[in-house]
N, C-alpha and C. Protein backbone atom coordinates (compact mmCIF):
# COMPACT_ATOMS: atom_id res chain seq x y z
N MET A 1 11.80 -10.80 -2.98
CA MET A 1 12.69 -9.66 -2.96
C MET A 1 11.87 -8.37 -2.96
N SER A 2 12.29 -7.47 -2.14
CA SER A 2 11.59 -6.20 -2.00
C SER A 2 11.76 -5.32 -3.23
N ARG A 3 10.67 -4.70 -3.63
CA ARG A 3 10.72 -3.75 -4.75
C ARG A 3 10.82 -2.32 -4.23
N ILE A 4 10.51 -2.16 -2.96
CA ILE A 4 10.58 -0.84 -2.32
C ILE A 4 11.56 -0.95 -1.15
N SER A 5 12.75 -0.45 -1.36
CA SER A 5 13.81 -0.55 -0.36
C SER A 5 13.64 0.50 0.74
N LEU A 6 14.46 0.36 1.77
CA LEU A 6 14.46 1.34 2.86
C LEU A 6 14.87 2.71 2.34
N ASP A 7 15.83 2.75 1.42
CA ASP A 7 16.25 4.03 0.82
C ASP A 7 15.10 4.67 0.05
N VAL A 8 14.35 3.86 -0.68
CA VAL A 8 13.20 4.36 -1.43
C VAL A 8 12.15 4.91 -0.46
N MET A 9 11.90 4.19 0.64
CA MET A 9 10.93 4.67 1.63
C MET A 9 11.39 6.00 2.22
N SER A 10 12.66 6.09 2.54
CA SER A 10 13.20 7.34 3.10
C SER A 10 13.03 8.50 2.12
N GLN A 11 13.33 8.24 0.86
CA GLN A 11 13.19 9.27 -0.16
C GLN A 11 11.72 9.68 -0.31
N ALA A 12 10.83 8.71 -0.32
CA ALA A 12 9.39 9.00 -0.44
C ALA A 12 8.93 9.87 0.74
N MET A 13 9.39 9.55 1.93
CA MET A 13 9.00 10.35 3.11
C MET A 13 9.54 11.77 3.02
N ARG A 14 10.78 11.92 2.53
CA ARG A 14 11.35 13.26 2.38
C ARG A 14 10.56 14.07 1.36
N VAL A 15 10.23 13.45 0.25
CA VAL A 15 9.47 14.14 -0.81
C VAL A 15 8.12 14.60 -0.26
N ILE A 16 7.42 13.72 0.41
CA ILE A 16 6.09 14.05 0.93
C ILE A 16 6.16 15.14 1.99
N GLN A 17 7.17 15.07 2.83
CA GLN A 17 7.32 16.07 3.88
C GLN A 17 7.52 17.47 3.29
N ALA A 18 8.14 17.53 2.12
CA ALA A 18 8.42 18.82 1.48
C ALA A 18 7.22 19.37 0.70
N LEU A 19 6.18 18.56 0.50
CA LEU A 19 5.03 18.99 -0.29
C LEU A 19 4.14 19.94 0.50
N ASN A 20 3.63 20.96 -0.19
CA ASN A 20 2.60 21.80 0.41
C ASN A 20 1.23 21.20 0.08
N LEU A 21 0.17 21.81 0.58
CA LEU A 21 -1.17 21.27 0.39
C LEU A 21 -1.54 21.16 -1.09
N LYS A 22 -1.24 22.17 -1.87
CA LYS A 22 -1.57 22.16 -3.30
C LYS A 22 -0.83 21.02 -4.02
N GLN A 23 0.42 20.79 -3.65
CA GLN A 23 1.19 19.71 -4.26
C GLN A 23 0.63 18.34 -3.85
N LYS A 24 0.18 18.23 -2.61
CA LYS A 24 -0.44 16.97 -2.18
C LYS A 24 -1.74 16.73 -2.94
N GLU A 25 -2.50 17.78 -3.18
CA GLU A 25 -3.73 17.65 -3.97
C GLU A 25 -3.40 17.18 -5.38
N GLY A 26 -2.33 17.71 -5.94
CA GLY A 26 -1.89 17.27 -7.27
C GLY A 26 -1.50 15.81 -7.27
N LEU A 27 -0.85 15.37 -6.21
CA LEU A 27 -0.46 13.96 -6.10
C LEU A 27 -1.69 13.07 -5.95
N ILE A 28 -2.68 13.54 -5.21
CA ILE A 28 -3.94 12.79 -5.09
C ILE A 28 -4.59 12.65 -6.47
N ASP A 29 -4.58 13.71 -7.26
CA ASP A 29 -5.12 13.64 -8.63
C ASP A 29 -4.35 12.61 -9.45
N GLU A 30 -3.04 12.59 -9.29
CA GLU A 30 -2.20 11.62 -10.01
C GLU A 30 -2.54 10.19 -9.58
N ILE A 31 -2.76 9.99 -8.29
CA ILE A 31 -3.14 8.67 -7.78
C ILE A 31 -4.48 8.25 -8.38
N PHE A 32 -5.43 9.18 -8.41
CA PHE A 32 -6.75 8.88 -8.98
C PHE A 32 -6.63 8.38 -10.42
N LEU A 33 -5.73 8.98 -11.18
CA LEU A 33 -5.55 8.58 -12.58
C LEU A 33 -4.77 7.28 -12.72
N ALA A 34 -3.71 7.11 -11.92
CA ALA A 34 -2.82 5.96 -12.08
C ALA A 34 -3.31 4.72 -11.34
N GLN A 35 -3.88 4.91 -10.15
CA GLN A 35 -4.33 3.79 -9.31
C GLN A 35 -5.71 4.10 -8.73
N PRO A 36 -6.73 4.17 -9.59
CA PRO A 36 -8.06 4.58 -9.11
C PRO A 36 -8.66 3.65 -8.05
N HIS A 37 -8.33 2.38 -8.09
CA HIS A 37 -8.91 1.45 -7.11
C HIS A 37 -8.29 1.66 -5.73
N MET A 38 -7.01 1.99 -5.69
CA MET A 38 -6.38 2.31 -4.41
C MET A 38 -7.01 3.58 -3.84
N PHE A 39 -7.21 4.56 -4.70
CA PHE A 39 -7.86 5.81 -4.30
C PHE A 39 -9.26 5.51 -3.75
N GLY A 40 -10.01 4.70 -4.48
CA GLY A 40 -11.37 4.35 -4.08
C GLY A 40 -11.43 3.61 -2.76
N SER A 41 -10.41 2.79 -2.48
CA SER A 41 -10.41 2.04 -1.22
C SER A 41 -10.31 2.96 -0.01
N VAL A 42 -9.71 4.12 -0.20
CA VAL A 42 -9.65 5.11 0.89
C VAL A 42 -10.94 5.93 0.91
N LEU A 43 -11.40 6.33 -0.24
CA LEU A 43 -12.60 7.15 -0.34
C LEU A 43 -13.82 6.45 0.26
N VAL A 44 -13.90 5.15 0.12
CA VAL A 44 -15.06 4.39 0.61
C VAL A 44 -15.14 4.36 2.14
N LEU A 45 -14.08 4.76 2.81
CA LEU A 45 -14.10 4.77 4.28
C LEU A 45 -15.24 5.62 4.84
N GLN A 46 -15.64 6.66 4.11
CA GLN A 46 -16.73 7.50 4.59
C GLN A 46 -18.02 6.70 4.72
N LYS A 47 -18.21 5.70 3.88
CA LYS A 47 -19.41 4.86 3.97
C LYS A 47 -19.39 3.96 5.19
N PHE A 48 -18.20 3.76 5.76
CA PHE A 48 -18.07 2.93 6.95
C PHE A 48 -17.98 3.77 8.22
N GLY A 49 -18.31 5.05 8.10
CA GLY A 49 -18.39 5.92 9.26
C GLY A 49 -17.09 6.59 9.68
N ALA A 50 -16.07 6.51 8.86
CA ALA A 50 -14.80 7.16 9.21
C ALA A 50 -14.96 8.68 9.09
N SER A 51 -14.49 9.38 10.09
CA SER A 51 -14.55 10.85 10.07
C SER A 51 -13.58 11.39 9.03
N SER A 52 -13.74 12.66 8.70
CA SER A 52 -12.84 13.27 7.71
C SER A 52 -11.40 13.27 8.22
N GLU A 53 -11.19 13.41 9.52
CA GLU A 53 -9.84 13.37 10.08
C GLU A 53 -9.21 12.00 9.90
N LYS A 54 -10.00 10.97 10.09
CA LYS A 54 -9.48 9.61 9.95
C LYS A 54 -9.26 9.26 8.48
N MET A 55 -10.11 9.79 7.63
CA MET A 55 -9.89 9.60 6.19
C MET A 55 -8.63 10.33 5.75
N GLU A 56 -8.38 11.49 6.35
CA GLU A 56 -7.16 12.24 6.02
C GLU A 56 -5.92 11.40 6.32
N PHE A 57 -5.93 10.69 7.45
CA PHE A 57 -4.81 9.82 7.78
C PHE A 57 -4.65 8.73 6.72
N ALA A 58 -5.76 8.12 6.32
CA ALA A 58 -5.70 7.07 5.30
C ALA A 58 -5.18 7.63 3.98
N PHE A 59 -5.58 8.85 3.63
CA PHE A 59 -5.05 9.47 2.42
C PHE A 59 -3.56 9.75 2.54
N GLU A 60 -3.10 10.11 3.74
CA GLU A 60 -1.66 10.31 3.94
C GLU A 60 -0.89 9.01 3.70
N LEU A 61 -1.45 7.90 4.17
CA LEU A 61 -0.81 6.60 3.92
C LEU A 61 -0.82 6.27 2.44
N LEU A 62 -1.94 6.56 1.77
CA LEU A 62 -2.02 6.32 0.33
C LEU A 62 -0.97 7.14 -0.41
N ILE A 63 -0.82 8.40 -0.04
CA ILE A 63 0.19 9.26 -0.66
C ILE A 63 1.58 8.68 -0.44
N LEU A 64 1.85 8.24 0.77
CA LEU A 64 3.16 7.65 1.08
C LEU A 64 3.41 6.40 0.24
N CYS A 65 2.43 5.52 0.19
CA CYS A 65 2.57 4.28 -0.59
C CYS A 65 2.78 4.58 -2.07
N PHE A 66 1.99 5.50 -2.59
CA PHE A 66 2.10 5.83 -4.01
C PHE A 66 3.45 6.48 -4.32
N GLN A 67 3.89 7.38 -3.45
CA GLN A 67 5.18 8.03 -3.67
C GLN A 67 6.31 7.01 -3.61
N ALA A 68 6.20 6.04 -2.72
CA ALA A 68 7.21 4.97 -2.65
C ALA A 68 7.21 4.16 -3.94
N MET A 69 6.03 3.91 -4.49
CA MET A 69 5.95 3.21 -5.78
C MET A 69 6.68 4.01 -6.85
N LYS A 70 6.44 5.32 -6.87
CA LYS A 70 7.09 6.18 -7.86
C LYS A 70 8.60 6.21 -7.66
N GLU A 71 9.03 6.34 -6.42
CA GLU A 71 10.46 6.44 -6.12
C GLU A 71 11.20 5.14 -6.45
N SER A 72 10.48 4.03 -6.49
CA SER A 72 11.12 2.74 -6.79
C SER A 72 11.67 2.71 -8.22
N GLY A 73 11.12 3.57 -9.08
CA GLY A 73 11.56 3.59 -10.47
C GLY A 73 10.95 2.50 -11.32
N LEU A 74 10.07 1.70 -10.74
CA LEU A 74 9.44 0.61 -11.49
C LEU A 74 8.17 1.11 -12.16
N SER A 75 7.78 0.40 -13.19
CA SER A 75 6.52 0.69 -13.86
C SER A 75 5.47 -0.24 -13.25
N TRP A 76 4.61 0.33 -12.42
CA TRP A 76 3.64 -0.46 -11.67
C TRP A 76 2.38 -0.68 -12.49
N PRO A 77 1.86 -1.91 -12.48
CA PRO A 77 0.59 -2.16 -13.15
C PRO A 77 -0.58 -1.62 -12.32
N LEU A 78 -1.72 -1.55 -12.94
CA LEU A 78 -2.93 -1.15 -12.25
C LEU A 78 -3.26 -2.19 -11.18
N ILE A 79 -3.51 -1.73 -9.98
CA ILE A 79 -3.97 -2.62 -8.92
C ILE A 79 -5.49 -2.66 -9.04
N THR A 80 -6.00 -3.83 -9.34
CA THR A 80 -7.41 -3.99 -9.67
C THR A 80 -8.27 -4.21 -8.42
N GLU A 81 -9.57 -4.07 -8.60
CA GLU A 81 -10.50 -4.37 -7.51
C GLU A 81 -10.40 -5.83 -7.12
N ASP A 82 -10.26 -6.71 -8.11
CA ASP A 82 -10.12 -8.14 -7.81
C ASP A 82 -8.86 -8.40 -6.99
N GLY A 83 -7.78 -7.74 -7.35
CA GLY A 83 -6.53 -7.88 -6.60
C GLY A 83 -6.68 -7.37 -5.17
N GLN A 84 -7.38 -6.26 -5.02
CA GLN A 84 -7.62 -5.72 -3.68
C GLN A 84 -8.47 -6.68 -2.85
N GLU A 85 -9.51 -7.21 -3.47
CA GLU A 85 -10.40 -8.13 -2.76
C GLU A 85 -9.64 -9.38 -2.32
N LEU A 86 -8.81 -9.92 -3.19
CA LEU A 86 -8.02 -11.10 -2.85
C LEU A 86 -7.10 -10.81 -1.67
N GLN A 87 -6.39 -9.70 -1.72
CA GLN A 87 -5.48 -9.36 -0.62
C GLN A 87 -6.24 -9.11 0.68
N MET A 88 -7.41 -8.52 0.59
CA MET A 88 -8.23 -8.29 1.78
C MET A 88 -8.65 -9.62 2.39
N GLN A 89 -9.09 -10.56 1.56
CA GLN A 89 -9.51 -11.87 2.06
C GLN A 89 -8.36 -12.60 2.74
N ILE A 90 -7.18 -12.55 2.13
CA ILE A 90 -6.01 -13.21 2.72
C ILE A 90 -5.66 -12.58 4.06
N TYR A 91 -5.65 -11.26 4.11
CA TYR A 91 -5.30 -10.57 5.35
C TYR A 91 -6.31 -10.85 6.46
N VAL A 92 -7.59 -10.74 6.14
CA VAL A 92 -8.64 -10.98 7.14
C VAL A 92 -8.57 -12.42 7.66
N THR A 93 -8.32 -13.36 6.77
CA THR A 93 -8.18 -14.76 7.18
C THR A 93 -7.01 -14.93 8.14
N THR A 94 -5.91 -14.28 7.84
CA THR A 94 -4.72 -14.34 8.70
C THR A 94 -5.02 -13.74 10.07
N VAL A 95 -5.69 -12.60 10.09
CA VAL A 95 -6.03 -11.95 11.36
C VAL A 95 -6.98 -12.82 12.17
N LYS A 96 -7.98 -13.40 11.51
CA LYS A 96 -8.94 -14.25 12.22
C LYS A 96 -8.26 -15.48 12.80
N LEU A 97 -7.28 -16.02 12.09
CA LEU A 97 -6.52 -17.16 12.59
C LEU A 97 -5.84 -16.79 13.90
N GLY A 98 -5.30 -15.59 13.96
CA GLY A 98 -4.60 -15.13 15.15
C GLY A 98 -5.50 -14.88 16.34
N GLU A 99 -6.78 -14.63 16.10
CA GLU A 99 -7.71 -14.34 17.20
C GLU A 99 -7.86 -15.51 18.15
N ASP A 100 -7.73 -16.73 17.65
CA ASP A 100 -7.93 -17.92 18.47
C ASP A 100 -6.65 -18.39 19.16
N LEU A 101 -5.55 -17.70 18.95
CA LEU A 101 -4.27 -18.11 19.52
C LEU A 101 -3.99 -17.39 20.83
N SER A 102 -3.11 -17.98 21.60
CA SER A 102 -2.65 -17.32 22.82
C SER A 102 -1.84 -16.09 22.43
N PRO A 103 -1.69 -15.13 23.33
CA PRO A 103 -0.91 -13.93 22.99
C PRO A 103 0.50 -14.25 22.49
N ALA A 104 1.15 -15.24 23.10
CA ALA A 104 2.51 -15.60 22.67
C ALA A 104 2.51 -16.14 21.24
N LEU A 105 1.57 -17.02 20.94
CA LEU A 105 1.49 -17.57 19.58
C LEU A 105 1.06 -16.49 18.58
N ARG A 106 0.19 -15.60 19.00
CA ARG A 106 -0.25 -14.50 18.13
C ARG A 106 0.94 -13.60 17.79
N ASP A 107 1.77 -13.31 18.79
CA ASP A 107 2.98 -12.50 18.55
C ASP A 107 3.93 -13.22 17.59
N ARG A 108 4.04 -14.52 17.77
CA ARG A 108 4.91 -15.32 16.88
C ARG A 108 4.38 -15.32 15.45
N LEU A 109 3.07 -15.46 15.30
CA LEU A 109 2.45 -15.42 13.98
C LEU A 109 2.68 -14.07 13.32
N MET A 110 2.53 -12.99 14.10
CA MET A 110 2.75 -11.64 13.57
C MET A 110 4.21 -11.47 13.14
N GLN A 111 5.13 -11.97 13.94
CA GLN A 111 6.55 -11.88 13.59
C GLN A 111 6.83 -12.63 12.29
N GLN A 112 6.25 -13.82 12.14
CA GLN A 112 6.43 -14.59 10.90
C GLN A 112 5.82 -13.84 9.72
N TYR A 113 4.68 -13.23 9.94
CA TYR A 113 4.02 -12.46 8.88
C TYR A 113 4.95 -11.36 8.39
N ILE A 114 5.54 -10.63 9.33
CA ILE A 114 6.45 -9.54 8.96
C ILE A 114 7.70 -10.08 8.28
N GLU A 115 8.30 -11.13 8.84
CA GLU A 115 9.52 -11.70 8.28
C GLU A 115 9.32 -12.21 6.86
N ASN A 116 8.14 -12.73 6.57
CA ASN A 116 7.88 -13.31 5.25
C ASN A 116 7.26 -12.32 4.27
N HIS A 117 6.99 -11.12 4.72
CA HIS A 117 6.35 -10.13 3.85
C HIS A 117 7.35 -9.63 2.82
N PRO A 118 6.95 -9.57 1.54
CA PRO A 118 7.90 -9.13 0.51
C PRO A 118 8.24 -7.64 0.57
N GLU A 119 7.44 -6.85 1.24
CA GLU A 119 7.72 -5.41 1.35
C GLU A 119 7.82 -5.01 2.83
N LYS A 120 8.82 -5.57 3.49
CA LYS A 120 9.00 -5.34 4.93
C LYS A 120 9.13 -3.86 5.28
N ASP A 121 9.90 -3.12 4.48
CA ASP A 121 10.14 -1.71 4.79
C ASP A 121 8.86 -0.88 4.67
N LEU A 122 8.10 -1.13 3.62
CA LEU A 122 6.83 -0.43 3.45
C LEU A 122 5.86 -0.82 4.57
N LEU A 123 5.79 -2.11 4.85
CA LEU A 123 4.90 -2.61 5.91
C LEU A 123 5.27 -2.00 7.26
N THR A 124 6.55 -2.01 7.59
CA THR A 124 7.00 -1.46 8.86
C THR A 124 6.69 0.02 8.97
N CYS A 125 6.91 0.75 7.91
CA CYS A 125 6.65 2.19 7.91
C CYS A 125 5.16 2.47 8.11
N VAL A 126 4.32 1.79 7.37
CA VAL A 126 2.87 2.01 7.47
C VAL A 126 2.36 1.59 8.84
N TRP A 127 2.82 0.45 9.36
CA TRP A 127 2.38 0.02 10.68
C TRP A 127 2.86 0.97 11.76
N SER A 128 4.07 1.48 11.62
CA SER A 128 4.60 2.43 12.59
C SER A 128 3.77 3.72 12.60
N LYS A 129 3.46 4.22 11.41
CA LYS A 129 2.63 5.42 11.32
C LYS A 129 1.23 5.16 11.88
N THR A 130 0.71 3.97 11.63
CA THR A 130 -0.62 3.62 12.14
C THR A 130 -0.60 3.52 13.67
N ALA A 131 0.44 2.93 14.23
CA ALA A 131 0.56 2.83 15.70
C ALA A 131 0.65 4.22 16.32
N ASP A 132 1.42 5.12 15.71
CA ASP A 132 1.51 6.50 16.21
C ASP A 132 0.16 7.20 16.12
N TRP A 133 -0.54 6.95 15.01
CA TRP A 133 -1.87 7.54 14.82
C TRP A 133 -2.82 7.08 15.91
N PHE A 134 -2.77 5.78 16.25
CA PHE A 134 -3.65 5.24 17.29
C PHE A 134 -3.42 5.89 18.64
N LYS A 135 -2.21 6.34 18.89
CA LYS A 135 -1.91 7.00 20.17
C LYS A 135 -2.53 8.39 20.24
N ARG A 136 -2.82 8.99 19.07
CA ARG A 136 -3.30 10.37 19.03
C ARG A 136 -4.81 10.50 18.88
N ILE A 137 -5.51 9.42 18.61
CA ILE A 137 -6.93 9.52 18.29
C ILE A 137 -7.81 9.02 19.44
N VAL A 138 -9.07 9.38 19.34
CA VAL A 138 -10.09 8.80 20.20
C VAL A 138 -10.61 7.58 19.44
N PRO A 139 -10.46 6.38 20.00
CA PRO A 139 -10.85 5.18 19.28
C PRO A 139 -12.35 5.15 18.93
N GLU A 140 -12.63 4.67 17.73
CA GLU A 140 -14.00 4.50 17.24
C GLU A 140 -14.08 3.17 16.50
N ASP A 141 -15.29 2.71 16.30
CA ASP A 141 -15.51 1.47 15.58
C ASP A 141 -14.93 1.51 14.16
N SER A 142 -15.03 2.66 13.52
CA SER A 142 -14.59 2.78 12.12
C SER A 142 -13.07 2.66 11.97
N ASP A 143 -12.33 2.72 13.08
CA ASP A 143 -10.87 2.63 13.01
C ASP A 143 -10.40 1.31 12.41
N ARG A 144 -11.17 0.25 12.65
CA ARG A 144 -10.77 -1.05 12.10
C ARG A 144 -10.78 -1.02 10.57
N TYR A 145 -11.67 -0.23 9.99
CA TYR A 145 -11.69 -0.13 8.53
C TYR A 145 -10.49 0.67 8.01
N VAL A 146 -10.11 1.68 8.77
CA VAL A 146 -8.91 2.44 8.40
C VAL A 146 -7.70 1.51 8.44
N MET A 147 -7.63 0.67 9.49
CA MET A 147 -6.53 -0.29 9.60
C MET A 147 -6.54 -1.29 8.46
N LEU A 148 -7.72 -1.77 8.10
CA LEU A 148 -7.82 -2.72 6.99
C LEU A 148 -7.35 -2.09 5.68
N VAL A 149 -7.74 -0.85 5.46
CA VAL A 149 -7.31 -0.15 4.24
C VAL A 149 -5.79 0.00 4.24
N ALA A 150 -5.23 0.38 5.38
CA ALA A 150 -3.77 0.56 5.47
C ALA A 150 -3.05 -0.75 5.14
N ALA A 151 -3.49 -1.83 5.76
CA ALA A 151 -2.86 -3.14 5.50
C ALA A 151 -3.05 -3.55 4.05
N ASN A 152 -4.23 -3.28 3.52
CA ASN A 152 -4.52 -3.70 2.15
C ASN A 152 -3.71 -2.91 1.12
N LEU A 153 -3.47 -1.63 1.38
CA LEU A 153 -2.63 -0.85 0.47
C LEU A 153 -1.25 -1.49 0.37
N VAL A 154 -0.67 -1.82 1.52
CA VAL A 154 0.66 -2.43 1.54
C VAL A 154 0.64 -3.78 0.84
N ASN A 155 -0.34 -4.61 1.16
CA ASN A 155 -0.38 -5.95 0.57
C ASN A 155 -0.64 -5.93 -0.93
N CYS A 156 -1.46 -5.01 -1.38
CA CYS A 156 -1.70 -4.90 -2.83
C CYS A 156 -0.42 -4.52 -3.56
N ILE A 157 0.34 -3.60 -2.99
CA ILE A 157 1.61 -3.21 -3.59
C ILE A 157 2.59 -4.38 -3.55
N ALA A 158 2.62 -5.08 -2.43
CA ALA A 158 3.58 -6.18 -2.25
C ALA A 158 3.32 -7.35 -3.18
N PHE A 159 2.07 -7.61 -3.46
CA PHE A 159 1.75 -8.84 -4.19
C PHE A 159 1.23 -8.62 -5.60
N VAL A 160 1.20 -7.38 -6.07
CA VAL A 160 0.75 -7.16 -7.44
C VAL A 160 1.78 -7.78 -8.39
N PRO A 161 1.32 -8.57 -9.34
CA PRO A 161 2.26 -9.16 -10.30
C PRO A 161 2.83 -8.07 -11.20
N MET A 162 4.13 -8.03 -11.27
CA MET A 162 4.79 -7.05 -12.13
C MET A 162 4.88 -7.62 -13.54
N PRO A 163 4.75 -6.74 -14.53
CA PRO A 163 4.87 -7.23 -15.90
C PRO A 163 6.27 -7.78 -16.14
N ALA A 164 6.33 -8.87 -16.87
CA ALA A 164 7.63 -9.47 -17.19
C ALA A 164 8.35 -8.58 -18.19
N PHE A 165 9.64 -8.50 -18.01
CA PHE A 165 10.43 -7.73 -18.96
C PHE A 165 10.53 -8.54 -20.24
N LYS A 166 10.18 -7.91 -21.34
CA LYS A 166 10.27 -8.58 -22.64
C LYS A 166 11.58 -8.23 -23.29
N GLU A 167 12.19 -9.25 -23.83
CA GLU A 167 13.45 -9.03 -24.52
C GLU A 167 13.17 -8.24 -25.78
N CYS A 168 13.96 -7.24 -26.00
CA CYS A 168 13.81 -6.40 -27.18
C CYS A 168 14.43 -7.12 -28.37
N VAL A 169 13.63 -7.38 -29.38
CA VAL A 169 14.14 -8.06 -30.57
C VAL A 169 14.13 -7.06 -31.71
N LEU A 170 15.31 -6.79 -32.21
CA LEU A 170 15.43 -5.86 -33.33
C LEU A 170 15.20 -6.62 -34.63
N PRO A 171 14.58 -5.99 -35.59
CA PRO A 171 14.35 -6.68 -36.87
C PRO A 171 15.68 -6.95 -37.57
N THR A 172 15.73 -8.11 -38.18
CA THR A 172 16.94 -8.45 -38.95
C THR A 172 16.79 -7.90 -40.35
N THR A 173 17.87 -7.90 -41.06
CA THR A 173 17.85 -7.41 -42.44
C THR A 173 16.86 -8.21 -43.27
N GLU A 174 16.81 -9.51 -43.03
CA GLU A 174 15.93 -10.38 -43.80
C GLU A 174 14.46 -10.03 -43.54
N SER A 175 14.09 -9.79 -42.27
CA SER A 175 12.70 -9.47 -41.97
C SER A 175 12.33 -8.08 -42.45
N GLN A 176 13.29 -7.19 -42.56
CA GLN A 176 13.01 -5.85 -43.05
C GLN A 176 12.70 -5.89 -44.54
N MET A 177 13.23 -6.87 -45.25
CA MET A 177 13.03 -6.98 -46.70
C MET A 177 11.64 -7.50 -47.02
N ASN A 178 11.03 -8.26 -46.11
CA ASN A 178 9.72 -8.87 -46.40
C ASN A 178 8.59 -7.95 -46.14
């Protein structure tokens, strides 16, 4: 079941669109404090040769994902480096599997991936923005890392284990006496 609905995605996009540069910087600071590993996964793109313009796009996706998390109203746990690494391994394995398939089978695998993804709306939004971005840029080798970060942000959000709700137990009169 999706934790980030289409309505939540729409609200997140409206909020972000209304932000000025200073407010976006404040949101980046908030992301750094709340989800430092997600922040770091974008920041590390510079080590893989991504230009500042391409990093800016990745930060825009991070802001969108984080705002969607906030708009969901859920209390999100820290997405860890181990969690990121696991999701990256799963995604890369899935992509490599598709490389050996015919185009028709690859399309079918991609369709199944989307249909089975727990955060379809977030995934669709991020992939749509990424496809639009690809139309506007001059392709470079480092773009694959930007794509991996984009996919990994979505997958980390989709598969992070949420804390179980604990039943609130009020003290009884007997336990208050002891």
